[in-house]
């Protein structure tokens, strides 16, 4: 299965490291590194914030590869 955009909620965000995790609407916690959000329009984030996240379910381990605000376009 190819990577796809889905909605998730920020679960944990370590501001000093730029990493954290999101929890999908299905209850799956998925980690992310700074590379997933720094290139986008996000400046920071907070627990509870809704996002669009790009996830490849076939990757091992499963991680968020890109993210943006729910209201921003994802081009796919």
Protein backbone atom coordinates (compact mmCIF):
# COMPACT_ATOMS: atom_id res chain seq x y z
CA UNK A 1 0.00 0.00 0.00
CA UNK A 2 1.31 3.44 -0.90
CA UNK A 3 1.79 6.30 1.54
CA UNK A 4 -1.40 8.25 2.12
CA UNK A 5 -2.59 11.34 3.96
CA UNK A 6 -4.73 10.86 7.03
CA UNK A 7 -5.84 13.00 9.94
CA UNK A 8 -4.23 12.62 13.35
CA UNK A 9 -3.81 14.47 16.63
CA UNK A 10 -0.49 15.54 18.14
CA UNK A 11 0.11 13.14 21.02
CA UNK A 12 3.54 14.31 22.23
CA UNK A 13 5.78 17.12 20.98
CA UNK A 14 9.31 17.70 22.26
CA UNK A 15 9.90 21.31 21.22
CA UNK A 16 13.66 21.28 21.89
CA UNK A 17 14.18 18.13 19.78
CA UNK A 18 11.45 18.77 17.21
CA UNK A 19 10.25 15.19 17.45
CA UNK A 20 7.20 13.55 18.92
CA UNK A 21 4.25 11.39 18.00
CA UNK A 22 0.72 11.63 16.68
CA UNK A 23 -2.25 9.42 17.37
CA UNK A 24 -4.47 8.50 14.45
CA UNK A 25 -8.24 8.40 14.57
CA UNK A 26 -7.87 4.60 14.77
CA UNK A 27 -5.84 4.94 18.00
CA UNK A 28 -2.42 4.14 16.52
CA UNK A 29 0.50 6.14 17.93
CA UNK A 30 3.07 6.98 15.21
CA UNK A 31 6.36 8.80 15.86
CA UNK A 32 7.79 11.67 13.82
CA UNK A 33 11.16 13.35 13.51
CA UNK A 34 11.87 17.05 12.74
CA UNK A 35 12.21 16.21 9.04
CA UNK A 36 8.47 15.48 8.90
CA UNK A 37 7.29 18.96 9.86
CA UNK A 38 10.13 21.45 9.41
CA UNK A 39 9.81 21.85 5.61
CA UNK A 40 6.10 22.64 5.87
CA UNK A 41 4.19 25.64 7.12
CA UNK A 42 4.22 24.56 10.76
CA UNK A 43 6.29 26.66 13.17
CA UNK A 44 5.47 24.66 16.27
CA UNK A 45 2.73 22.36 17.50
CA UNK A 46 0.96 21.43 20.69
CA UNK A 47 -0.62 18.24 22.05
CA UNK A 48 -4.22 17.99 20.88
CA UNK A 49 -3.61 19.83 17.61
CA UNK A 50 -5.22 18.26 14.52
CA UNK A 51 -2.96 17.58 11.55
CA UNK A 52 -2.87 15.90 8.17
CA UNK A 53 -0.03 13.35 8.22
CA UNK A 54 1.57 11.33 5.45
CA UNK A 55 2.16 7.74 6.55
CA UNK A 56 3.47 4.70 4.70
CA UNK A 57 1.87 1.72 6.45
CA UNK A 58 4.31 -0.69 4.81
CA UNK A 59 7.41 1.06 6.18
CA UNK A 60 9.22 -0.55 9.06
CA UNK A 61 9.05 1.12 11.45
CA UNK A 62 5.96 3.11 10.51
CA UNK A 63 6.70 6.83 10.84
CA UNK A 64 5.15 10.10 9.74
CA UNK A 65 7.04 11.35 6.68
CA UNK A 66 5.24 14.72 6.28
CA UNK A 67 2.62 16.75 8.09
CA UNK A 68 0.60 19.92 7.75
CA UNK A 69 -2.41 21.61 9.28
CA UNK A 70 -5.77 20.07 8.45
CA UNK A 71 -6.81 23.28 6.65
CA UNK A 72 -3.75 23.33 4.36
CA UNK A 73 -3.74 21.49 1.00
CA UNK A 74 -1.77 18.24 0.77
CA UNK A 75 -1.46 17.89 -3.02
CA UNK A 76 -2.69 14.35 -2.94
